[in-house]
Amino acid sequence: WAAAVPAGTYTVTVTTADGSKTDSSTLVLSEPEIPVDTVTVSPKSVQLEVGGTQQLTAEVLPANATNKVVTYSTDDEAIATVDSNGLVTAISAGEVTITAESYYDGSKLDTCVVTVTEPEPEPEPDPEE
């Protein structure tokens, strides 16, 4: 005998045929886990000046995945940092890769290449003006 039983906590009680003995046990049923298929970062590449920021977004599919938490990391914090929400801050000139990774399945990830440049210097004022 099989039936679809919703997730929840159940008590199962068994009794001998003659009714002289019983025993109970608690059974916890949970929803099946829906794994992450893909993580997609947007934008795929960014150009920033030192001190600039860029918000990255990570889309996790399927939309109904059980655990959609994404962690962000940088391969060089001297060039750019990234916070837990995907906000990139340019620190110094260079190129860095930011990775967004499924917290529960590290094999599901995507990257964004960030190129950081020094700001253009302000032009010198014309002394004849």
C-alpha atoms as a PDB file:
ATOM      1  CA  TRP A   1       0.000   0.000   0.000  1.00  0.00           C
ATOM      2  CA  ALA A   2       1.363   3.416  -0.930  1.00  0.00           C
ATOM      3  CA  ALA A   3      -0.129   6.868  -0.720  1.00  0.00           C
ATOM      4  CA  ALA A   4       1.045  10.414  -1.298  1.00  0.00           C
ATOM      5  CA  VAL A   5       1.575  11.851   2.158  1.00  0.00           C
ATOM      6  CA  PRO A   6       2.366  15.540   2.576  1.00  0.00           C
ATOM      7  CA  ALA A   7       5.494  16.701   4.382  1.00  0.00           C
ATOM      8  CA  GLY A   8       5.126  16.861   8.136  1.00  0.00           C
ATOM      9  CA  THR A   9       5.653  15.028  11.421  1.00  0.00           C
ATOM     10  CA  TYR A  10       3.685  11.853  11.998  1.00  0.00           C
ATOM     11  CA  THR A  11       3.374   9.360  14.817  1.00  0.00           C
ATOM     12  CA  VAL A  12       3.215   5.722  13.747  1.00  0.00           C
ATOM     13  CA  THR A  13       1.763   3.276  16.255  1.00  0.00           C
ATOM     14  CA  VAL A  14       1.841  -0.498  15.886  1.00  0.00           C
ATOM     15  CA  THR A  15      -0.123  -3.003  17.945  1.00  0.00           C
ATOM     16  CA  THR A  16       0.237  -6.778  18.109  1.00  0.00           C
ATOM     17  CA  ALA A  17      -2.631  -8.824  16.671  1.00  0.00           C
ATOM     18  CA  ASP A  18      -3.881  -9.763  20.133  1.00  0.00           C
ATOM     19  CA  GLY A  19      -3.636  -6.124  21.320  1.00  0.00           C
ATOM     20  CA  SER A  20      -1.295  -6.939  24.200  1.00  0.00           C
ATOM     21  CA  LYS A  21       1.596  -4.735  23.075  1.00  0.00           C
ATOM     22  CA  THR A  22       1.943  -1.401  21.296  1.00  0.00           C
ATOM     23  CA  ASP A  23       4.813   0.824  20.296  1.00  0.00           C
ATOM     24  CA  SER A  24       5.054   4.251  18.680  1.00  0.00           C
ATOM     25  CA  SER A  25       7.637   6.101  16.672  1.00  0.00           C
ATOM     26  CA  THR A  26       7.824   9.607  15.229  1.00  0.00           C
ATOM     27  CA  LEU A  27       8.362   9.927  11.482  1.00  0.00           C
ATOM     28  CA  VAL A  28       9.369  13.203   9.829  1.00  0.00           C
ATOM     29  CA  LEU A  29       8.714  13.546   6.091  1.00  0.00           C
ATOM     30  CA  SER A  30      10.200  16.447   4.150  1.00  0.00           C
ATOM     31  CA  GLU A  31       9.644  17.845   0.689  1.00  0.00           C
ATOM     32  CA  PRO A  32      12.023  16.505  -1.948  1.00  0.00           C
ATOM     33  CA  GLU A  33      14.985  18.803  -2.576  1.00  0.00           C
ATOM     34  CA  ILE A  34      15.048  20.557  -5.940  1.00  0.00           C
ATOM     35  CA  PRO A  35      18.703  21.031  -6.938  1.00  0.00           C
ATOM     36  CA  VAL A  36      20.217  24.086  -8.624  1.00  0.00           C
ATOM     37  CA  ASP A  37      20.778  23.545 -12.369  1.00  0.00           C
ATOM     38  CA  THR A  38      22.525  26.819 -13.260  1.00  0.00           C
ATOM     39  CA  VAL A  39      23.823  30.092 -11.844  1.00  0.00           C
ATOM     40  CA  THR A  40      24.078  32.984 -14.326  1.00  0.00           C
ATOM     41  CA  VAL A  41      25.837  36.262 -13.462  1.00  0.00           C
ATOM     42  CA  SER A  42      24.958  39.541 -15.089  1.00  0.00           C
ATOM     43  CA  PRO A  43      26.714  41.521 -16.445  1.00  0.00           C
ATOM     44  CA  LYS A  44      29.435  39.197 -17.784  1.00  0.00           C
ATOM     45  CA  SER A  45      32.092  41.927 -17.884  1.00  0.00           C
ATOM     46  CA  VAL A  46      32.487  45.373 -16.331  1.00  0.00           C
ATOM     47  CA  GLN A  47      34.883  48.295 -16.717  1.00  0.00           C
ATOM     48  CA  LEU A  48      35.298  50.486 -13.636  1.00  0.00           C
ATOM     49  CA  GLU A  49      37.552  53.294 -12.536  1.00  0.00           C
ATOM     50  CA  VAL A  50      39.263  53.003  -9.150  1.00  0.00           C
ATOM     51  CA  GLY A  51      36.658  53.764  -6.484  1.00  0.00           C
ATOM     52  CA  GLY A  52      33.738  52.840  -8.761  1.00  0.00           C
ATOM     53  CA  THR A  53      31.106  50.237  -7.957  1.00  0.00           C
ATOM     54  CA  GLN A  54      28.929  47.824  -9.921  1.00  0.00           C
ATOM     55  CA  GLN A  55      26.029  45.687  -8.714  1.00  0.00           C
ATOM     56  CA  LEU A  56      26.087  42.125 -10.042  1.00  0.00           C
ATOM     57  CA  THR A  57      23.027  39.895 -10.089  1.00  0.00           C
ATOM     58  CA  ALA A  58      22.955  36.125 -10.086  1.00  0.00           C
ATOM     59  CA  GLU A  59      19.997  34.200 -11.479  1.00  0.00           C
ATOM     60  CA  VAL A  60      19.535  30.699 -10.051  1.00  0.00           C
ATOM     61  CA  LEU A  61      17.550  28.144 -12.037  1.00  0.00           C
ATOM     62  CA  PRO A  62      15.220  26.447 -11.716  1.00  0.00           C
ATOM     63  CA  ALA A  63      13.237  29.226 -10.087  1.00  0.00           C
ATOM     64  CA  ASN A  64      11.848  26.745  -7.552  1.00  0.00           C
ATOM     65  CA  ALA A  65      15.242  25.369  -6.484  1.00  0.00           C
ATOM     66  CA  THR A  66      15.192  24.498  -2.804  1.00  0.00           C
ATOM     67  CA  ASN A  67      18.359  26.437  -1.889  1.00  0.00           C
ATOM     68  CA  LYS A  68      19.003  29.494  -4.059  1.00  0.00           C
ATOM     69  CA  VAL A  69      21.711  31.072  -1.880  1.00  0.00           C
ATOM     70  CA  VAL A  70      24.669  32.401  -3.909  1.00  0.00           C
ATOM     71  CA  THR A  71      28.067  33.398  -2.546  1.00  0.00           C
ATOM     72  CA  TYR A  72      30.346  35.874  -4.308  1.00  0.00           C
ATOM     73  CA  SER A  73      34.141  35.876  -4.325  1.00  0.00           C
ATOM     74  CA  THR A  74      37.009  37.701  -6.030  1.00  0.00           C
ATOM     75  CA  ASP A  75      40.276  36.214  -7.187  1.00  0.00           C
ATOM     76  CA  ASP A  76      42.205  39.363  -6.179  1.00  0.00           C
ATOM     77  CA  GLU A  77      40.951  41.660  -3.403  1.00  0.00           C
ATOM     78  CA  ALA A  78      43.779  44.108  -4.156  1.00  0.00           C
ATOM     79  CA  ILE A  79      42.054  44.924  -7.471  1.00  0.00           C
ATOM     80  CA  ALA A  80      38.348  44.624  -6.599  1.00  0.00           C
ATOM     81  CA  THR A  81      36.240  43.414  -3.692  1.00  0.00           C
ATOM     82  CA  VAL A  82      32.736  41.987  -3.754  1.00  0.00           C
ATOM     83  CA  ASP A  83      30.275  41.885  -0.875  1.00  0.00           C
ATOM     84  CA  SER A  84      27.745  39.179  -0.029  1.00  0.00           C
ATOM     85  CA  ASN A  85      25.102  40.917  -2.165  1.00  0.00           C
ATOM     86  CA  GLY A  86      27.262  41.110  -5.314  1.00  0.00           C
ATOM     87  CA  LEU A  87      28.344  44.751  -5.032  1.00  0.00           C
ATOM     88  CA  VAL A  88      31.792  45.093  -6.644  1.00  0.00           C
ATOM     89  CA  THR A  89      34.118  47.911  -5.547  1.00  0.00           C
ATOM     90  CA  ALA A  90      37.161  48.794  -7.660  1.00  0.00           C
ATOM     91  CA  ILE A  91      40.335  49.153  -5.542  1.00  0.00           C
ATOM     92  CA  SER A  92      43.283  49.419  -7.960  1.00  0.00           C
ATOM     93  CA  ALA A  93      44.054  49.057 -11.664  1.00  0.00           C
ATOM     94  CA  GLY A  94      44.028  45.527 -13.071  1.00  0.00           C
ATOM     95  CA  GLU A  95      41.725  42.694 -14.051  1.00  0.00           C
ATOM     96  CA  VAL A  96      39.887  40.397 -11.667  1.00  0.00           C
ATOM     97  CA  THR A  97      37.339  37.605 -11.921  1.00  0.00           C
ATOM     98  CA  ILE A  98      34.293  37.689  -9.652  1.00  0.00           C
ATOM     99  CA  THR A  99      32.618  34.324  -9.112  1.00  0.00           C
ATOM    100  CA  ALA A 100      29.006  33.708  -8.084  1.00  0.00           C
ATOM    101  CA  GLU A 101      28.630  30.175  -6.766  1.00  0.00           C
ATOM    102  CA  SER A 102      25.709  28.124  -5.520  1.00  0.00           C
ATOM    103  CA  TYR A 103      26.269  27.847  -1.761  1.00  0.00           C
ATOM    104  CA  TYR A 104      24.840  24.320  -1.689  1.00  0.00           C
ATOM    105  CA  ASP A 105      26.457  23.034  -4.891  1.00  0.00           C
ATOM    106  CA  GLY A 106      29.807  24.639  -5.636  1.00  0.00           C
ATOM    107  CA  SER A 107      29.887  23.107  -9.115  1.00  0.00           C
ATOM    108  CA  LYS A 108      27.128  25.527 -10.190  1.00  0.00           C
ATOM    109  CA  LEU A 109      28.807  28.887 -10.791  1.00  0.00           C
ATOM    110  CA  ASP A 110      29.358  31.731 -13.229  1.00  0.00           C
ATOM    111  CA  THR A 111      31.846  34.582 -13.508  1.00  0.00           C
ATOM    112  CA  CYS A 112      32.175  38.252 -14.364  1.00  0.00           C
ATOM    113  CA  VAL A 113      35.460  39.803 -15.518  1.00  0.00           C
ATOM    114  CA  VAL A 114      36.085  43.239 -13.993  1.00  0.00           C
ATOM    115  CA  THR A 115      38.649  45.568 -15.552  1.00  0.00           C
ATOM    116  CA  VAL A 116      39.701  48.423 -13.261  1.00  0.00           C
ATOM    117  CA  THR A 117      41.461  51.515 -14.603  1.00  0.00           C
ATOM    118  CA  GLU A 118      42.912  54.600 -12.977  1.00  0.00           C
ATOM    119  CA  PRO A 119      40.653  57.652 -13.352  1.00  0.00           C
ATOM    120  CA  GLU A 120      41.576  60.120 -16.075  1.00  0.00           C
ATOM    121  CA  PRO A 121      43.435  63.075 -14.539  1.00  0.00           C
ATOM    122  CA  GLU A 122      41.631  66.388 -14.473  1.00  0.00           C
ATOM    123  CA  PRO A 123      42.952  68.714 -17.183  1.00  0.00           C
ATOM    124  CA  GLU A 124      45.152  71.515 -15.951  1.00  0.00           C
ATOM    125  CA  PRO A 125      43.330  74.875 -15.931  1.00  0.00           C
ATOM    126  CA  ASP A 126      44.322  77.216 -18.774  1.00  0.00           C
ATOM    127  CA  PRO A 127      46.285  80.089 -17.156  1.00  0.00           C
ATOM    128  CA  GLU A 128      45.133  82.474 -19.910  1.00  0.00           C
ATOM    129  CA  GLU A 129      41.478  82.193 -18.907  1.00  0.00           C
END
